[in-house]
């Protein structure tokens, strides 16, 4: 599938020039979160919007004897308030820590909501995540907000014309997703003008272990992958592993801020964590490691093929042709045009480019 050119706001989200077409993924636009208890005191707040251009992150609440620890916020104040309202219906205990698995705004904007509700809460992230939020991330967010009217006009226009971005008629899956993404764009409008992101107050390089009674909360950096500061949160007694965007369903997010040549190695380390429940950054809870292995296979193939092509002296455009991921794409996307576009945008688009850049730097 060829890459589609798109409006400036699509690029500002860090998704590449084809990203506008990702707005059209499977979905229902009605519900926003589903609450799922994973173990005693461990509650997941799972997003029900479709995977696409405008998406929000899952969150997990760790309910302890005297406090709460929350993993990841959302992309707007409204989305995070929705999670907090659902959380308060379960417990009135205060939030002491919010752990951000990485810097992207769909996991960090909602920090402000927790800061206002719990002024003494600490915010935990990797050292490089703090730097990203403070510098590049702040500028990406500013520019994205400036293009919100364009986003809404684009989605509204597709619905009015009843067309996919290539001009083909919308099917039910695509129409539902466009409606959802337009709703998400409206939620972004709840981010106030001049918004100042809440920065991490506790930064780590490799590991932070928190203990609450008999419960251990093990926060680790396993290596670069989706970003250069990805953290996981592991609860060994409960067997629950929270991966952030190291794992994303239905297609891995390998974008312009990713490290594809490191990704498979980091996933190998993730696979050695003895978990029975895996909570991805986006998508449903997994009860086995089959999807993790599928993602690892994809990233291994992407890295090895790109290294070989660069070793032959091929320029980027030739590398794009040499790296063949068609079989793996079919496993992730099937016949869905939506998911095939998602794969093209994240994996065979900026994913290959970032792998190429890393391989050239390593020479």
Protein backbone atom coordinates (compact mmCIF):
# COMPACT_ATOMS: atom_id res chain seq x y z
CA UNK A 1 0.00 0.00 0.00
CA UNK A 2 1.43 3.35 -0.94
CA UNK A 3 1.94 6.05 1.65
CA UNK A 4 -0.76 8.72 1.63
CA UNK A 5 0.10 12.38 1.94
CA UNK A 6 -1.81 14.14 4.68
CA UNK A 7 -2.37 17.42 6.49
CA UNK A 8 0.21 18.91 8.79
CA UNK A 9 -1.57 17.84 12.00
CA UNK A 10 -1.12 14.17 11.10
CA UNK A 11 2.64 14.58 11.01
CA UNK A 12 2.65 16.55 14.26
CA UNK A 13 1.31 13.53 16.12
CA UNK A 14 4.54 11.76 15.17
CA UNK A 15 2.78 9.23 12.97
CA UNK A 16 4.22 10.06 9.54
CA UNK A 17 2.59 11.49 6.43
CA UNK A 18 0.16 8.60 6.04
CA UNK A 19 -1.25 8.99 9.52
CA UNK A 20 -4.45 10.73 8.51
CA UNK A 21 -5.78 7.46 7.13
CA UNK A 22 -5.36 5.79 10.51
CA UNK A 23 -8.39 7.60 11.77
CA UNK A 24 -10.45 4.90 10.13
CA UNK A 25 -10.11 1.85 12.35
CA UNK A 26 -12.65 -0.49 13.84
CA UNK A 27 -14.81 0.81 16.64
CA UNK A 28 -17.91 1.70 18.42
CA UNK A 29 -18.10 5.39 19.37
CA UNK A 30 -20.36 4.97 22.39
CA UNK A 31 -18.30 3.67 25.30
CA UNK A 32 -14.96 5.17 26.30
CA UNK A 33 -13.62 2.83 28.98
CA UNK A 34 -14.19 -0.66 30.29
CA UNK A 35 -13.26 -1.43 33.90
CA UNK A 36 -11.67 -4.84 34.45
CA UNK A 37 -10.41 -6.24 37.75
CA UNK A 38 -7.21 -8.19 37.07
CA UNK A 39 -6.43 -9.30 40.65
CA UNK A 40 -7.44 -8.15 44.14
CA UNK A 41 -6.67 -4.43 44.21
CA UNK A 42 -5.49 -4.29 40.57
CA UNK A 43 -7.99 -2.60 38.25
CA UNK A 44 -7.52 -1.82 34.55
CA UNK A 45 -9.32 1.03 32.78
CA UNK A 46 -9.29 -0.10 29.16
CA UNK A 47 -10.06 2.25 26.30
CA UNK A 48 -12.83 1.21 23.94
CA UNK A 49 -12.16 3.71 21.15
CA UNK A 50 -10.82 2.18 17.94
CA UNK A 51 -7.11 1.98 17.23
CA UNK A 52 -6.40 4.80 14.83
CA UNK A 53 -5.03 8.29 14.50
CA UNK A 54 -6.76 9.66 17.61
CA UNK A 55 -6.40 7.22 20.48
CA UNK A 56 -6.10 7.15 24.23
CA UNK A 57 -4.11 5.03 26.63
CA UNK A 58 -5.14 2.29 29.02
CA UNK A 59 -4.59 2.94 32.71
CA UNK A 60 -4.13 0.61 35.67
CA UNK A 61 -4.86 1.46 39.31
CA UNK A 62 -2.97 -0.36 42.05
CA UNK A 63 -5.12 -0.08 45.18
CA UNK A 64 -3.07 -0.48 48.34
CA UNK A 65 -3.95 -0.35 52.03
CA UNK A 66 -3.56 3.41 52.31
CA UNK A 67 -2.99 4.79 48.82
CA UNK A 68 -3.29 4.33 45.07
CA UNK A 69 -0.66 4.07 42.36
CA UNK A 70 -1.87 4.84 38.83
CA UNK A 71 -0.04 3.78 35.69
CA UNK A 72 -0.48 6.21 32.78
CA UNK A 73 -2.89 9.08 32.24
CA UNK A 74 -4.71 9.98 29.01
CA UNK A 75 -4.48 12.42 26.10
CA UNK A 76 -6.91 15.03 27.42
CA UNK A 77 -8.28 16.29 30.73
CA UNK A 78 -11.76 15.02 29.83
CA UNK A 79 -10.54 11.47 29.16
CA UNK A 80 -8.56 11.38 32.39
CA UNK A 81 -11.46 12.75 34.42
CA UNK A 82 -13.55 9.91 33.06
CA UNK A 83 -11.01 7.41 34.40
CA UNK A 84 -10.73 9.23 37.73
CA UNK A 85 -14.51 9.25 38.14
CA UNK A 86 -14.60 5.49 37.57
CA UNK A 87 -11.72 5.05 40.01
CA UNK A 88 -13.41 7.09 42.72
CA UNK A 89 -16.49 4.89 42.38
CA UNK A 90 -14.25 2.03 43.54
CA UNK A 91 -12.18 3.70 46.26
CA UNK A 92 -11.65 7.06 47.96
CA UNK A 93 -7.97 6.42 48.73
CA UNK A 94 -5.55 9.13 47.56
CA UNK A 95 -3.21 8.76 44.60
CA UNK A 96 0.40 8.89 45.78
CA UNK A 97 2.16 8.08 42.48
CA UNK A 98 1.34 8.37 38.79
CA UNK A 99 3.77 6.35 36.67
CA UNK A 100 4.17 7.48 33.06
CA UNK A 101 5.43 4.62 30.90
CA UNK A 102 6.78 7.07 28.30
CA UNK A 103 6.55 10.67 27.12
CA UNK A 104 3.85 10.64 24.45
CA UNK A 105 1.01 13.00 25.20
CA UNK A 106 -1.71 10.32 25.09
CA UNK A 107 -0.12 8.94 28.29
CA UNK A 108 0.84 12.20 30.04
CA UNK A 109 -1.60 15.08 29.42
CA UNK A 110 -3.86 13.76 32.18
CA UNK A 111 -1.09 14.21 34.76
CA UNK A 112 -2.55 17.66 35.30
CA UNK A 113 -5.89 16.16 36.43
CA UNK A 114 -4.15 13.99 39.03
CA UNK A 115 -1.99 16.90 40.17
CA UNK A 116 -5.05 19.04 40.77
CA UNK A 117 -6.94 16.27 42.58
CA UNK A 118 -3.93 15.03 44.58
CA UNK A 119 -1.46 17.92 45.03
CA UNK A 120 1.06 15.78 46.93
CA UNK A 121 1.24 13.01 44.33
CA UNK A 122 4.58 12.22 42.70
CA UNK A 123 4.98 11.53 39.00
CA UNK A 124 7.43 8.79 38.00
CA UNK A 125 9.11 8.38 34.61
CA UNK A 126 12.42 7.60 32.97
CA UNK A 127 14.96 10.42 32.96
CA UNK A 128 14.76 10.68 29.16
CA UNK A 129 10.97 10.86 29.35
CA UNK A 130 11.24 13.99 31.45
CA UNK A 131 13.57 15.56 28.91
CA UNK A 132 11.21 14.66 26.06
CA UNK A 133 8.12 16.12 27.77
CA UNK A 134 10.02 19.28 28.66
CA UNK A 135 11.45 19.94 25.20
CA UNK A 136 10.34 18.13 22.02
CA UNK A 137 7.10 16.85 23.50
CA UNK A 138 5.95 20.29 24.58
CA UNK A 139 6.49 21.67 21.09
CA UNK A 140 4.74 18.70 19.42
CA UNK A 141 1.73 19.26 21.65
CA UNK A 142 1.62 23.01 20.94
CA UNK A 143 1.60 22.48 17.22
CA UNK A 144 -0.97 19.69 17.37
CA UNK A 145 -3.37 21.90 19.33
CA UNK A 146 -2.92 24.64 16.74
CA UNK A 147 -4.19 22.24 14.08
CA UNK A 148 -7.29 21.00 15.95
CA UNK A 149 -9.74 22.87 13.67
CA UNK A 150 -8.14 21.20 10.66
CA UNK A 151 -8.47 17.79 12.29
CA UNK A 152 -12.17 18.23 13.02
CA UNK A 153 -12.87 19.57 9.53
CA UNK A 154 -11.08 16.61 7.99
CA UNK A 155 -13.05 13.99 9.92
CA UNK A 156 -16.34 15.82 9.41
CA UNK A 157 -15.69 16.04 5.69
CA UNK A 158 -15.03 12.31 5.38
CA UNK A 159 -18.31 11.55 7.14
CA UNK A 160 -20.29 14.00 5.04
CA UNK A 161 -18.87 12.60 1.79
CA UNK A 162 -19.11 9.03 2.99
CA UNK A 163 -15.62 8.40 1.68
CA UNK A 164 -12.37 6.87 2.80
CA UNK A 165 -9.32 9.06 2.24
CA UNK A 166 -8.73 7.37 -1.13
CA UNK A 167 -12.24 8.21 -2.28
CA UNK A 168 -13.73 4.73 -1.82
CA UNK A 169 -17.11 4.41 -0.06
CA UNK A 170 -16.99 3.96 3.70
CA UNK A 171 -17.92 0.64 5.20
CA UNK A 172 -19.41 0.30 8.68
CA UNK A 173 -16.02 -0.20 10.34
CA UNK A 174 -14.52 2.91 8.79
CA UNK A 175 -17.52 5.13 9.44
CA UNK A 176 -17.64 4.19 13.11
CA UNK A 177 -13.96 4.94 13.49
CA UNK A 178 -14.13 8.35 11.82
CA UNK A 179 -16.95 9.30 14.18
CA UNK A 180 -14.84 8.17 17.12
CA UNK A 181 -11.79 10.10 15.97
CA UNK A 182 -13.84 13.25 15.52
CA UNK A 183 -15.02 12.79 19.11
CA UNK A 184 -11.40 12.42 20.21
CA UNK A 185 -10.47 15.65 18.44
CA UNK A 186 -13.24 17.38 20.38
CA UNK A 187 -11.80 15.96 23.60
CA UNK A 188 -8.42 17.46 22.74
CA UNK A 189 -10.18 20.82 22.92
CA UNK A 190 -10.42 20.33 26.69
CA UNK A 191 -6.65 20.92 26.79
CA UNK A 192 -6.48 24.62 27.74
CA UNK A 193 -4.57 27.18 25.70
CA UNK A 194 -1.00 27.53 26.96
CA UNK A 195 -1.21 24.15 28.66
CA UNK A 196 1.89 23.43 30.74
CA UNK A 197 2.52 19.68 31.14
CA UNK A 198 3.19 18.23 34.58
CA UNK A 199 6.76 16.97 34.63
CA UNK A 200 7.97 13.86 36.45
CA UNK A 201 9.04 14.54 40.02
CA UNK A 202 10.79 11.16 40.36
CA UNK A 203 12.99 9.93 37.52
CA UNK A 204 14.71 6.59 37.18
CA UNK A 205 17.40 5.14 34.95
CA UNK A 206 16.99 1.38 35.37
CA UNK A 207 14.70 0.38 38.21
CA UNK A 208 12.48 1.56 41.05
CA UNK A 209 10.86 -0.84 43.50
CA UNK A 210 7.93 0.38 45.59
CA UNK A 211 6.52 -1.72 48.43
CA UNK A 212 3.06 -1.50 49.93
CA UNK A 213 2.60 -4.13 52.64
CA UNK A 214 3.11 -7.51 50.97
CA UNK A 215 2.77 -5.98 47.50
CA UNK A 216 5.78 -5.19 45.31
CA UNK A 217 5.53 -2.66 42.45
CA UNK A 218 8.57 -3.21 40.24
CA UNK A 219 9.19 -0.40 37.72
CA UNK A 220 11.86 -1.24 35.14
CA UNK A 221 13.58 0.09 32.05
CA UNK A 222 14.39 -2.85 29.76
CA UNK A 223 15.80 -0.92 26.80
CA UNK A 224 14.85 1.39 23.98
CA UNK A 225 11.88 0.37 21.85
CA UNK A 226 8.74 2.47 21.30
CA UNK A 227 10.74 5.42 22.73
CA UNK A 228 14.10 5.83 24.45
CA UNK A 229 12.47 5.90 27.89
CA UNK A 230 9.91 3.07 27.98
CA UNK A 231 9.07 1.76 31.44
CA UNK A 232 7.19 -1.38 32.42
CA UNK A 233 5.42 -2.01 35.72
CA UNK A 234 5.42 -5.56 37.08
CA UNK A 235 3.45 -6.89 40.04
CA UNK A 236 5.13 -10.23 40.79
CA UNK A 237 2.69 -11.50 43.41
CA UNK A 238 -0.27 -10.93 41.11
CA UNK A 239 1.57 -11.85 37.89
CA UNK A 240 0.41 -8.61 36.21
CA UNK A 241 2.67 -6.90 33.66
CA UNK A 242 1.87 -3.37 32.42
CA UNK A 243 3.83 -2.72 29.25
CA UNK A 244 2.99 0.78 28.10
CA UNK A 245 3.39 1.02 24.34
CA UNK A 246 6.02 -1.69 24.15
CA UNK A 247 2.93 -3.74 23.32
CA UNK A 248 0.04 -2.23 21.37
CA UNK A 249 -2.86 -3.96 19.66
CA UNK A 250 -3.79 -4.47 16.83
CA UNK A 251 -0.56 -3.20 15.24
CA UNK A 252 2.66 -2.18 17.03
CA UNK A 253 3.42 1.53 17.07
CA UNK A 254 6.86 1.86 15.50
CA UNK A 255 6.96 5.57 14.74
CA UNK A 256 9.39 8.39 14.25
CA UNK A 257 10.46 8.40 17.92
CA UNK A 258 11.04 4.62 18.05
CA UNK A 259 14.21 2.49 18.01
CA UNK A 260 13.38 -0.48 15.76
CA UNK A 261 16.86 -2.03 15.90
CA UNK A 262 16.61 -2.23 19.72
CA UNK A 263 12.95 -3.14 19.88
CA UNK A 264 13.17 -6.94 19.48
CA UNK A 265 15.94 -7.20 22.09
CA UNK A 266 13.83 -5.20 24.53
CA UNK A 267 10.85 -7.45 23.81
CA UNK A 268 13.02 -10.50 24.48
CA UNK A 269 13.72 -9.07 27.93
CA UNK A 270 10.02 -8.37 28.36
CA UNK A 271 9.21 -11.98 27.50
CA UNK A 272 11.40 -13.17 30.36
CA UNK A 273 9.21 -11.39 32.89
CA UNK A 274 7.04 -14.14 34.39
CA UNK A 275 3.59 -12.67 33.93
CA UNK A 276 0.22 -14.34 33.49
CA UNK A 277 -1.63 -11.12 32.64
CA UNK A 278 -0.33 -8.49 30.19
CA UNK A 279 -1.85 -5.02 29.96
CA UNK A 280 -0.77 -3.23 26.75
CA UNK A 281 -0.66 0.52 26.25
CA UNK A 282 -3.59 0.22 23.84
CA UNK A 283 -5.82 -2.78 23.32
CA UNK A 284 -7.27 -5.66 25.35
CA UNK A 285 -5.69 -7.53 28.25
CA UNK A 286 -3.75 -10.64 27.20
CA UNK A 287 -3.70 -13.85 29.25
CA UNK A 288 -0.74 -15.40 27.42
CA UNK A 289 2.35 -14.25 25.51
CA UNK A 290 1.23 -15.21 21.99
CA UNK A 291 0.75 -11.62 20.83
CA UNK A 292 3.99 -10.50 22.45
CA UNK A 293 5.82 -13.19 20.47
CA UNK A 294 4.10 -12.08 17.28
CA UNK A 295 5.24 -8.49 17.80
CA UNK A 296 8.77 -9.69 18.60
CA UNK A 297 8.86 -11.74 15.39
CA UNK A 298 7.86 -8.68 13.38
CA UNK A 299 10.47 -6.42 14.95
CA UNK A 300 13.17 -9.07 14.58
CA UNK A 301 12.41 -9.38 10.87
CA UNK A 302 12.30 -5.63 10.37
CA UNK A 303 15.66 -5.15 12.09
CA UNK A 304 17.49 -8.01 10.39
CA UNK A 305 16.25 -7.16 6.90
CA UNK A 306 17.10 -3.48 7.32
CA UNK A 307 20.59 -4.20 8.65
CA UNK A 308 21.25 -6.49 5.67
CA UNK A 309 20.02 -3.91 3.17
CA UNK A 310 22.11 -1.14 4.71
CA UNK A 311 25.09 -3.52 4.75
CA UNK A 312 24.67 -3.85 0.98
CA UNK A 313 24.89 -0.08 0.69
CA UNK A 314 21.26 0.47 -0.28
CA UNK A 315 19.77 3.97 0.09
CA UNK A 316 16.52 4.46 2.02
CA UNK A 317 14.18 4.20 -0.96
CA UNK A 318 15.73 0.89 -1.99
CA UNK A 319 15.61 -0.37 1.60
CA UNK A 320 11.86 0.30 1.62
CA UNK A 321 11.56 -2.05 -1.36
CA UNK A 322 13.99 -4.67 -0.02
CA UNK A 323 12.35 -5.10 3.39
CA UNK A 324 9.43 -7.48 2.83
CA UNK A 325 6.98 -7.74 5.71
CA UNK A 326 3.93 -8.80 3.70
CA UNK A 327 3.39 -12.14 5.44
CA UNK A 328 3.67 -10.57 8.87
CA UNK A 329 1.44 -7.69 7.82
CA UNK A 330 -1.24 -10.19 6.85
CA UNK A 331 -1.05 -11.77 10.31
CA UNK A 332 -1.65 -8.41 11.99
CA UNK A 333 -4.07 -6.84 9.53
CA UNK A 334 -5.79 -9.62 7.60
CA UNK A 335 -8.08 -8.20 4.92
CA UNK A 336 -8.94 -5.05 6.89
CA UNK A 337 -8.02 -1.95 4.89
CA UNK A 338 -8.01 -0.03 8.15
CA UNK A 339 -5.43 -2.27 9.81
CA UNK A 340 -3.36 -2.60 6.65
CA UNK A 341 -3.17 1.20 6.52
CA UNK A 342 -2.23 1.22 10.20
CA UNK A 343 0.55 -1.27 9.48
CA UNK A 344 1.77 0.76 6.52
CA UNK A 345 1.83 3.97 8.54
CA UNK A 346 3.64 2.66 11.61
CA UNK A 347 5.74 -0.26 10.47
CA UNK A 348 6.54 -0.08 6.78
CA UNK A 349 6.54 3.72 6.86
CA UNK A 350 8.44 5.46 9.69
CA UNK A 351 9.39 2.09 11.20
CA UNK A 352 11.62 1.20 8.25
CA UNK A 353 12.96 4.73 8.07
CA UNK A 354 13.95 4.74 11.74
CA UNK A 355 15.56 1.30 11.38
CA UNK A 356 17.50 2.60 8.39
CA UNK A 357 18.67 5.68 10.30
CA UNK A 358 19.83 3.55 13.22
CA UNK A 359 21.66 1.13 10.94
CA UNK A 360 23.44 3.94 9.12
CA UNK A 361 24.46 5.54 12.42
CA UNK A 362 25.91 2.22 13.59
CA UNK A 363 28.21 1.87 10.59
